[in-house]
């Protein structure tokens, strides 16, 4: 079993995580203006990503630039990993590859606690990514605990590149924001991502 095998039902039944859906969970966070670099990058690459319409294209041409902007705006106080194996507890099925993972340790070559956020890329079906993302967040929580670097909240995102849905994990409760945010308001997406990351500093 791996992260990709988890549904919302399995997360609750097998990991003991309560899943709750709330509208506009991050509604009080202010938008953050994107840099001119990100604006130009999305203008050039987003049509290509949507035309190719594969998970890989969306990850490389939309999601990665947005996350790179986040790292730039926090002055590289985080490390960003893409496509890394994150094997935490095989007995619980918490193994596999994460699309994107953010650690609070800057300029790290390896995944180091505390892990603060998980980003799961999906081609079209957002709902199918929610269980997987929560399983990865639970693994992050366990990874941090084992390293003695406990932080109160782990954040998660499921995204197609065009649509972004945010989550947070506190203790045994996973909160899903039912409000989806769209890339045409990248300032809102950046605001939430940066607000989440900065809250862990």
Protein backbone atom coordinates (compact mmCIF):
# COMPACT_ATOMS: atom_id res chain seq x y z
CA UNK A 1 0.00 0.00 0.00
CA UNK A 2 1.15 3.55 -0.74
CA UNK A 3 -0.11 7.14 -0.45
CA UNK A 4 -1.89 6.86 -3.79
CA UNK A 5 -4.05 4.01 -2.42
CA UNK A 6 -5.67 6.20 0.25
CA UNK A 7 -9.20 7.49 -0.15
CA UNK A 8 -10.92 9.77 2.34
CA UNK A 9 -12.66 6.72 3.79
CA UNK A 10 -9.39 4.82 4.25
CA UNK A 11 -7.75 7.85 5.85
CA UNK A 12 -10.47 7.89 8.49
CA UNK A 13 -10.71 4.14 8.99
CA UNK A 14 -7.03 3.17 8.80
CA UNK A 15 -5.18 6.26 10.01
CA UNK A 16 -7.73 7.40 12.59
CA UNK A 17 -7.94 10.87 11.09
CA UNK A 18 -11.21 12.79 11.30
CA UNK A 19 -11.94 14.57 8.01
CA UNK A 20 -13.96 17.80 8.16
CA UNK A 21 -14.95 20.09 5.29
CA UNK A 22 -15.25 23.84 5.85
CA UNK A 23 -15.96 26.62 3.37
CA UNK A 24 -13.42 29.42 2.99
CA UNK A 25 -11.04 28.00 5.60
CA UNK A 26 -8.31 30.47 4.65
CA UNK A 27 -10.59 33.41 3.87
CA UNK A 28 -8.90 35.84 6.27
CA UNK A 29 -5.49 35.57 4.59
CA UNK A 30 -4.62 38.56 2.42
CA UNK A 31 -3.61 38.09 -1.23
CA UNK A 32 0.06 38.58 -2.16
CA UNK A 33 1.06 40.17 -5.46
CA UNK A 34 3.09 37.87 -7.72
CA UNK A 35 6.42 38.97 -9.10
CA UNK A 36 6.69 40.05 -12.72
CA UNK A 37 8.67 36.85 -13.31
CA UNK A 38 5.76 34.66 -12.20
CA UNK A 39 3.23 36.67 -14.20
CA UNK A 40 5.31 36.32 -17.37
CA UNK A 41 6.10 32.65 -16.70
CA UNK A 42 2.44 31.71 -16.30
CA UNK A 43 1.45 33.76 -19.35
CA UNK A 44 3.98 31.84 -21.44
CA UNK A 45 3.70 28.34 -20.00
CA UNK A 46 0.13 27.90 -18.78
CA UNK A 47 -1.40 27.64 -22.28
CA UNK A 48 1.16 24.94 -23.09
CA UNK A 49 0.40 23.03 -19.88
CA UNK A 50 -3.34 23.12 -20.49
CA UNK A 51 -2.93 22.14 -24.14
CA UNK A 52 -0.69 19.16 -23.35
CA UNK A 53 -3.08 18.40 -20.45
CA UNK A 54 -0.92 15.90 -18.60
CA UNK A 55 -0.16 15.82 -14.87
CA UNK A 56 3.55 16.23 -15.62
CA UNK A 57 3.02 19.28 -17.84
CA UNK A 58 0.80 20.95 -15.26
CA UNK A 59 3.36 20.19 -12.51
CA UNK A 60 6.29 21.59 -14.46
CA UNK A 61 4.71 24.57 -16.18
CA UNK A 62 2.19 25.86 -13.60
CA UNK A 63 2.65 24.34 -10.14
CA UNK A 64 6.45 24.43 -9.92
CA UNK A 65 6.70 28.13 -10.87
CA UNK A 66 4.07 29.05 -8.24
CA UNK A 67 5.93 27.08 -5.55
CA UNK A 68 9.24 28.57 -6.71
CA UNK A 69 7.71 32.01 -6.20
CA UNK A 70 6.75 31.01 -2.64
CA UNK A 71 10.32 29.95 -1.91
CA UNK A 72 11.62 33.22 -3.38
CA UNK A 73 9.20 35.38 -1.38
CA UNK A 74 10.20 33.75 1.93
CA UNK A 75 13.83 34.40 0.98
CA UNK A 76 14.64 30.68 0.62
CA UNK A 77 13.81 29.94 4.26
CA UNK A 78 12.29 26.68 3.05
CA UNK A 79 13.50 23.79 0.92
CA UNK A 80 11.30 22.60 -1.92
CA UNK A 81 11.40 18.99 -3.12
CA UNK A 82 9.79 17.56 -6.23
CA UNK A 83 9.08 13.88 -6.90
CA UNK A 84 10.98 12.59 -3.85
CA UNK A 85 10.38 9.26 -2.15
CA UNK A 86 8.95 9.88 1.33
CA UNK A 87 8.82 6.51 3.08
CA UNK A 88 7.77 7.08 6.68
CA UNK A 89 5.88 4.01 7.96
CA UNK A 90 5.35 1.02 5.68
CA UNK A 91 3.15 -0.73 8.26
CA UNK A 92 0.59 2.07 7.86
CA UNK A 93 0.98 2.39 4.10
CA UNK A 94 2.73 5.73 4.47
CA UNK A 95 5.19 5.23 1.63
CA UNK A 96 5.62 6.49 -1.88
CA UNK A 97 6.52 9.54 -3.87
CA UNK A 98 5.29 13.06 -3.11
CA UNK A 99 4.74 15.46 -5.99
CA UNK A 100 5.99 18.44 -3.97
CA UNK A 101 7.07 18.78 -0.36
CA UNK A 102 8.26 21.80 1.62
CA UNK A 103 10.60 21.61 4.59
CA UNK A 104 11.31 24.48 6.97
CA UNK A 105 15.07 23.85 6.82
CA UNK A 106 16.56 26.10 4.11
CA UNK A 107 18.87 24.92 1.32
CA UNK A 108 18.62 21.25 2.23
CA UNK A 109 19.57 18.45 -0.18
CA UNK A 110 17.51 15.85 1.70
CA UNK A 111 14.04 15.92 3.25
CA UNK A 112 14.56 17.24 6.76
CA UNK A 113 12.07 17.85 9.59
CA UNK A 114 9.97 19.77 10.02
CA UNK A 115 8.01 19.16 6.87
CA UNK A 116 5.44 21.94 6.67
CA UNK A 117 3.46 21.37 3.48
CA UNK A 118 2.56 18.77 0.87
CA UNK A 119 1.36 19.59 -2.64
CA UNK A 120 -0.36 16.86 -4.65
CA UNK A 121 -0.73 17.40 -8.39
CA UNK A 122 -3.73 15.95 -10.20
CA UNK A 123 -4.62 16.00 -13.87
CA UNK A 124 -8.36 16.58 -13.52
CA UNK A 125 -9.95 14.77 -10.56
CA UNK A 126 -9.36 16.85 -7.44
CA UNK A 127 -11.40 14.61 -5.13
CA UNK A 128 -9.21 11.58 -5.85
CA UNK A 129 -6.21 13.51 -4.53
CA UNK A 130 -7.69 14.49 -1.17
CA UNK A 131 -7.20 11.13 0.56
CA UNK A 132 -3.70 10.81 -0.85
CA UNK A 133 -2.76 14.32 0.26
CA UNK A 134 -4.07 13.75 3.79
CA UNK A 135 -2.12 10.49 4.04
CA UNK A 136 1.03 12.41 3.04
CA UNK A 137 0.22 15.07 5.64
CA UNK A 138 -0.18 12.39 8.33
CA UNK A 139 3.18 10.96 7.24
CA UNK A 140 4.72 14.43 7.55
CA UNK A 141 3.31 14.78 11.05
CA UNK A 142 4.78 11.40 12.03
CA UNK A 143 8.10 12.23 10.33
CA UNK A 144 8.35 15.45 12.33
CA UNK A 145 7.45 13.67 15.58
CA UNK A 146 10.15 11.04 15.05
CA UNK A 147 12.70 13.80 14.49
CA UNK A 148 11.56 15.77 17.56
CA UNK A 149 10.54 18.74 15.37
CA UNK A 150 6.82 18.89 16.09
CA UNK A 151 4.84 21.77 14.59
CA UNK A 152 1.12 22.23 15.36
CA UNK A 153 -0.21 22.32 11.79
CA UNK A 154 0.71 20.57 8.54
CA UNK A 155 -0.65 22.13 5.36
CA UNK A 156 -1.64 20.44 2.13
CA UNK A 157 -2.78 21.34 -1.37
CA UNK A 158 -4.44 19.35 -4.11
CA UNK A 159 -4.16 21.10 -7.45
CA UNK A 160 -4.62 20.65 -11.17
CA UNK A 161 -2.52 23.76 -11.69
CA UNK A 162 -5.63 25.63 -12.78
CA UNK A 163 -7.59 24.84 -9.60
CA UNK A 164 -6.17 24.76 -6.04
CA UNK A 165 -7.80 23.29 -2.92
CA UNK A 166 -6.16 23.73 0.49
CA UNK A 167 -6.09 21.51 3.59
CA UNK A 168 -4.64 21.57 7.07
CA UNK A 169 -3.95 18.85 9.63
CA UNK A 170 -4.11 19.59 13.35
CA UNK A 171 -3.51 16.62 15.64
CA UNK A 172 -5.97 13.98 14.37
CA UNK A 173 -8.27 16.28 12.40
CA UNK A 174 -7.85 17.10 8.71
CA UNK A 175 -9.69 20.18 7.51
CA UNK A 176 -10.54 20.48 3.82
CA UNK A 177 -11.37 23.90 2.43
CA UNK A 178 -14.33 23.29 0.12
CA UNK A 179 -13.57 26.58 -1.63
CA UNK A 180 -11.46 26.03 -4.74
CA UNK A 181 -9.15 28.81 -5.86
CA UNK A 182 -8.23 29.39 -9.48
CA UNK A 183 -4.95 30.35 -11.10
CA UNK A 184 -6.42 33.55 -12.55
CA UNK A 185 -6.25 34.77 -8.93
CA UNK A 186 -2.69 33.62 -8.33
CA UNK A 187 -2.38 36.43 -5.77
CA UNK A 188 -4.94 34.65 -3.58
CA UNK A 189 -3.16 31.31 -4.02
CA UNK A 190 0.19 32.92 -3.11
CA UNK A 191 -1.37 34.62 -0.11
CA UNK A 192 -2.65 31.32 1.29
CA UNK A 193 0.58 29.44 0.57
CA UNK A 194 2.75 32.16 2.09
CA UNK A 195 0.42 32.60 5.07
CA UNK A 196 0.59 28.88 5.78
CA UNK A 197 4.37 28.69 5.45
CA UNK A 198 5.06 31.84 7.48
CA UNK A 199 2.79 30.64 10.29
CA UNK A 200 5.26 27.81 10.93
CA UNK A 201 8.32 30.07 11.34
